[in-house]
Amino acid sequence: MASIANFVVFTRRSSDPSLGWEDNPPNTPVYTYVASAINIALSILESPHGRHYLTQLALIIDHEMDENSHFQGNKDIAKHWVDVFLAKVRAQFPVVIVDFTMNNPNELGCHPRGGWMGHLKDFDPRSHMICINGQTDRDTIPN
């Protein structure tokens, strides 16, 4: 298991951009909770079953891309890129925001993103963000 020090975790308490985000450095309760949950989730995805299902998902998504297909139905190529993806995500997980401005209790989290047309080898997880609904997770995420 990788060190839990490779995560960036912020808390957003206000939708006012001038108030910014609070940093949660390593060894703080919020950071420790989030890093532990991420490590558990990544361990599941890195397991043989997790890799199998990620490969199947990659093949399904790739099939829908038609002319932009990377794998052409080749399971070995898809498996290779799943391995690359998992290694990159393990090395540099996306920025995590514990977001107390998310008001919909049915929305546990989100991954805000736009379209990306880069090559798979150029994927940079740290340039992405994952928001966790701080309102619904108030009982589990320390404040």
C-alpha atoms as a PDB file:
ATOM      1  CA  MET A   1       0.000   0.000   0.000  1.00  0.00           C
ATOM      2  CA  ALA A   2       1.299   3.455  -0.900  1.00  0.00           C
ATOM      3  CA  SER A   3       2.041   6.112   1.652  1.00  0.00           C
ATOM      4  CA  ILE A   4      -1.000   8.151   2.600  1.00  0.00           C
ATOM      5  CA  ALA A   5       1.075  11.306   2.106  1.00  0.00           C
ATOM      6  CA  ASN A   6       0.475  11.432  -1.666  1.00  0.00           C
ATOM      7  CA  PHE A   7      -3.029  12.921  -1.423  1.00  0.00           C
ATOM      8  CA  VAL A   8      -4.203  16.514  -1.610  1.00  0.00           C
ATOM      9  CA  VAL A   9      -7.349  17.080   0.463  1.00  0.00           C
ATOM     10  CA  PHE A  10      -9.171  20.397   0.820  1.00  0.00           C
ATOM     11  CA  THR A  11     -12.406  21.391   2.539  1.00  0.00           C
ATOM     12  CA  ARG A  12     -14.824  23.884   0.971  1.00  0.00           C
ATOM     13  CA  ARG A  13     -17.304  25.377   3.435  1.00  0.00           C
ATOM     14  CA  SER A  14     -18.621  28.301   1.368  1.00  0.00           C
ATOM     15  CA  SER A  15     -19.586  28.786  -2.260  1.00  0.00           C
ATOM     16  CA  ASP A  16     -17.960  32.239  -2.061  1.00  0.00           C
ATOM     17  CA  PRO A  17     -14.739  31.816  -4.084  1.00  0.00           C
ATOM     18  CA  SER A  18     -13.012  34.607  -2.140  1.00  0.00           C
ATOM     19  CA  LEU A  19     -13.086  32.416   0.980  1.00  0.00           C
ATOM     20  CA  GLY A  20     -11.050  29.700  -0.724  1.00  0.00           C
ATOM     21  CA  TRP A  21     -10.520  26.150   0.451  1.00  0.00           C
ATOM     22  CA  GLU A  22      -9.100  24.910   3.732  1.00  0.00           C
ATOM     23  CA  ASP A  23      -6.063  22.668   3.456  1.00  0.00           C
ATOM     24  CA  ASN A  24      -6.119  19.340   5.312  1.00  0.00           C
ATOM     25  CA  PRO A  25      -2.468  18.355   5.723  1.00  0.00           C
ATOM     26  CA  PRO A  26      -1.382  14.785   6.550  1.00  0.00           C
ATOM     27  CA  ASN A  27      -2.192  13.556  10.056  1.00  0.00           C
ATOM     28  CA  THR A  28      -5.296  15.739  10.371  1.00  0.00           C
ATOM     29  CA  PRO A  29      -8.569  13.847  10.967  1.00  0.00           C
ATOM     30  CA  VAL A  30     -10.122  14.785   7.596  1.00  0.00           C
ATOM     31  CA  TYR A  31      -6.984  13.863   5.644  1.00  0.00           C
ATOM     32  CA  THR A  32      -6.608  10.571   7.501  1.00  0.00           C
ATOM     33  CA  TYR A  33     -10.263   9.616   6.905  1.00  0.00           C
ATOM     34  CA  VAL A  34     -10.161  10.485   3.199  1.00  0.00           C
ATOM     35  CA  ALA A  35      -6.744   8.876   2.609  1.00  0.00           C
ATOM     36  CA  SER A  36      -7.854   5.683   4.362  1.00  0.00           C
ATOM     37  CA  ALA A  37     -11.038   5.459   2.285  1.00  0.00           C
ATOM     38  CA  ILE A  38      -9.080   6.067  -0.929  1.00  0.00           C
ATOM     39  CA  ASN A  39      -6.503   3.411  -0.054  1.00  0.00           C
ATOM     40  CA  ILE A  40      -9.259   0.870   0.622  1.00  0.00           C
ATOM     41  CA  ALA A  41     -11.008   1.726  -2.661  1.00  0.00           C
ATOM     42  CA  LEU A  42      -7.770   1.567  -4.662  1.00  0.00           C
ATOM     43  CA  SER A  43      -6.885  -1.773  -3.084  1.00  0.00           C
ATOM     44  CA  ILE A  44     -10.229  -3.140  -4.260  1.00  0.00           C
ATOM     45  CA  LEU A  45      -9.675  -1.796  -7.787  1.00  0.00           C
ATOM     46  CA  GLU A  46      -6.111  -3.188  -7.839  1.00  0.00           C
ATOM     47  CA  SER A  47      -7.269  -6.676  -6.858  1.00  0.00           C
ATOM     48  CA  PRO A  48      -7.569  -9.318  -9.606  1.00  0.00           C
ATOM     49  CA  HIS A  49     -11.382  -8.956  -9.595  1.00  0.00           C
ATOM     50  CA  GLY A  50     -11.157  -5.163  -9.640  1.00  0.00           C
ATOM     51  CA  ARG A  51      -8.728  -5.203 -12.559  1.00  0.00           C
ATOM     52  CA  HIS A  52     -10.940  -7.693 -14.413  1.00  0.00           C
ATOM     53  CA  TYR A  53     -14.041  -5.517 -14.097  1.00  0.00           C
ATOM     54  CA  LEU A  54     -12.147  -2.309 -14.922  1.00  0.00           C
ATOM     55  CA  THR A  55     -10.844  -4.026 -18.061  1.00  0.00           C
ATOM     56  CA  GLN A  56     -14.380  -5.060 -19.014  1.00  0.00           C
ATOM     57  CA  LEU A  57     -15.612  -1.507 -18.399  1.00  0.00           C
ATOM     58  CA  ALA A  58     -12.742  -0.073 -20.469  1.00  0.00           C
ATOM     59  CA  LEU A  59     -13.648  -2.380 -23.365  1.00  0.00           C
ATOM     60  CA  ILE A  60     -17.320  -1.354 -23.182  1.00  0.00           C
ATOM     61  CA  ILE A  61     -16.496   2.361 -23.111  1.00  0.00           C
ATOM     62  CA  ASP A  62     -13.911   1.975 -25.858  1.00  0.00           C
ATOM     63  CA  HIS A  63     -16.410   0.115 -28.045  1.00  0.00           C
ATOM     64  CA  GLU A  64     -18.788   3.096 -27.780  1.00  0.00           C
ATOM     65  CA  MET A  65     -16.052   5.452 -29.051  1.00  0.00           C
ATOM     66  CA  ASP A  66     -16.191   4.047 -32.599  1.00  0.00           C
ATOM     67  CA  GLU A  67     -13.462   5.771 -34.650  1.00  0.00           C
ATOM     68  CA  ASN A  68     -11.566   6.924 -31.530  1.00  0.00           C
ATOM     69  CA  SER A  69     -11.263   3.394 -30.161  1.00  0.00           C
ATOM     70  CA  HIS A  70      -7.953   2.642 -28.452  1.00  0.00           C
ATOM     71  CA  PHE A  71      -8.329  -1.099 -27.828  1.00  0.00           C
ATOM     72  CA  GLN A  72     -10.174  -2.409 -30.921  1.00  0.00           C
ATOM     73  CA  GLY A  73     -11.716  -5.094 -28.694  1.00  0.00           C
ATOM     74  CA  ASN A  74      -8.290  -6.389 -27.616  1.00  0.00           C
ATOM     75  CA  LYS A  75      -8.504  -7.419 -23.955  1.00  0.00           C
ATOM     76  CA  ASP A  76      -4.701  -7.486 -23.517  1.00  0.00           C
ATOM     77  CA  ILE A  77      -4.347  -3.882 -24.677  1.00  0.00           C
ATOM     78  CA  ALA A  78      -7.224  -2.805 -22.419  1.00  0.00           C
ATOM     79  CA  LYS A  79      -5.673  -4.642 -19.466  1.00  0.00           C
ATOM     80  CA  HIS A  80      -2.340  -2.886 -20.083  1.00  0.00           C
ATOM     81  CA  TRP A  81      -4.011   0.538 -19.978  1.00  0.00           C
ATOM     82  CA  VAL A  82      -6.013  -0.379 -16.873  1.00  0.00           C
ATOM     83  CA  ASP A  83      -2.690  -1.230 -15.215  1.00  0.00           C
ATOM     84  CA  VAL A  84      -1.208   2.099 -16.363  1.00  0.00           C
ATOM     85  CA  PHE A  85      -4.299   3.964 -15.113  1.00  0.00           C
ATOM     86  CA  LEU A  86      -4.192   2.301 -11.695  1.00  0.00           C
ATOM     87  CA  ALA A  87      -0.460   2.964 -11.320  1.00  0.00           C
ATOM     88  CA  LYS A  88      -0.940   6.632 -12.197  1.00  0.00           C
ATOM     89  CA  VAL A  89      -3.908   7.044  -9.852  1.00  0.00           C
ATOM     90  CA  ARG A  90      -2.040   5.285  -7.033  1.00  0.00           C
ATOM     91  CA  ALA A  91       1.009   7.533  -7.581  1.00  0.00           C
ATOM     92  CA  GLN A  92      -0.902  10.821  -7.852  1.00  0.00           C
ATOM     93  CA  PHE A  93      -4.540  10.651  -6.835  1.00  0.00           C
ATOM     94  CA  PRO A  94      -6.843  13.463  -8.027  1.00  0.00           C
ATOM     95  CA  VAL A  95      -7.330  16.420  -5.690  1.00  0.00           C
ATOM     96  CA  VAL A  96     -10.112  15.667  -3.183  1.00  0.00           C
ATOM     97  CA  ILE A  97     -12.514  18.356  -1.969  1.00  0.00           C
ATOM     98  CA  VAL A  98     -14.712  17.657   1.062  1.00  0.00           C
ATOM     99  CA  ASP A  99     -17.456  20.003  -0.101  1.00  0.00           C
ATOM    100  CA  PHE A 100     -19.970  21.344   2.408  1.00  0.00           C
ATOM    101  CA  THR A 101     -21.627  23.470  -0.318  1.00  0.00           C
ATOM    102  CA  MET A 102     -23.160  20.404  -1.972  1.00  0.00           C
ATOM    103  CA  ASN A 103     -26.776  20.525  -0.771  1.00  0.00           C
ATOM    104  CA  ASN A 104     -28.345  17.506  -2.465  1.00  0.00           C
ATOM    105  CA  PRO A 105     -28.326  14.625   0.052  1.00  0.00           C
ATOM    106  CA  ASN A 106     -28.683  12.156  -2.838  1.00  0.00           C
ATOM    107  CA  GLU A 107     -25.407  13.337  -4.374  1.00  0.00           C
ATOM    108  CA  LEU A 108     -22.636  11.633  -2.404  1.00  0.00           C
ATOM    109  CA  GLY A 109     -19.927  13.085  -4.589  1.00  0.00           C
ATOM    110  CA  CYS A 110     -18.991  14.153  -8.080  1.00  0.00           C
ATOM    111  CA  HIS A 111     -16.104  14.333 -10.492  1.00  0.00           C
ATOM    112  CA  PRO A 112     -16.366  17.672 -12.328  1.00  0.00           C
ATOM    113  CA  ARG A 113     -14.671  17.350 -15.681  1.00  0.00           C
ATOM    114  CA  GLY A 114     -14.802  18.438 -19.265  1.00  0.00           C
ATOM    115  CA  GLY A 115     -14.024  16.543 -22.406  1.00  0.00           C
ATOM    116  CA  TRP A 116     -10.546  15.082 -22.743  1.00  0.00           C
ATOM    117  CA  MET A 117      -9.113  13.966 -26.050  1.00  0.00           C
ATOM    118  CA  GLY A 118      -5.501  13.330 -25.013  1.00  0.00           C
ATOM    119  CA  HIS A 119      -3.622  10.064 -25.359  1.00  0.00           C
ATOM    120  CA  LEU A 120      -3.992   7.543 -22.544  1.00  0.00           C
ATOM    121  CA  LYS A 121      -0.283   7.792 -21.691  1.00  0.00           C
ATOM    122  CA  ASP A 122      -0.713  11.524 -21.011  1.00  0.00           C
ATOM    123  CA  PHE A 123      -3.433  11.095 -18.369  1.00  0.00           C
ATOM    124  CA  ASP A 124      -2.570  13.143 -15.272  1.00  0.00           C
ATOM    125  CA  PRO A 125      -4.794  12.227 -12.304  1.00  0.00           C
ATOM    126  CA  ARG A 126      -3.670  15.254 -10.282  1.00  0.00           C
ATOM    127  CA  SER A 127      -5.220  17.559 -12.904  1.00  0.00           C
ATOM    128  CA  HIS A 128      -8.631  16.145 -11.941  1.00  0.00           C
ATOM    129  CA  MET A 129     -10.789  16.664  -8.882  1.00  0.00           C
ATOM    130  CA  ILE A 130     -13.157  14.540  -6.811  1.00  0.00           C
ATOM    131  CA  CYS A 131     -15.737  16.245  -4.605  1.00  0.00           C
ATOM    132  CA  ILE A 132     -17.174  14.436  -1.594  1.00  0.00           C
ATOM    133  CA  ASN A 133     -20.458  15.763  -0.201  1.00  0.00           C
ATOM    134  CA  GLY A 134     -19.502  17.021   3.255  1.00  0.00           C
ATOM    135  CA  GLN A 135     -23.177  17.467   4.191  1.00  0.00           C
ATOM    136  CA  THR A 136     -24.097  13.807   3.742  1.00  0.00           C
ATOM    137  CA  ASP A 137     -20.817  12.540   5.146  1.00  0.00           C
ATOM    138  CA  ARG A 138     -20.899  14.813   8.199  1.00  0.00           C
ATOM    139  CA  ASP A 139     -21.238  11.815  10.529  1.00  0.00           C
ATOM    140  CA  THR A 140     -18.218  10.016   9.077  1.00  0.00           C
ATOM    141  CA  ILE A 141     -15.849  12.819   8.069  1.00  0.00           C
ATOM    142  CA  PRO A 142     -14.494  14.688  11.094  1.00  0.00           C
ATOM    143  CA  ASN A 143     -14.924  18.471  10.984  1.00  0.00           C
END
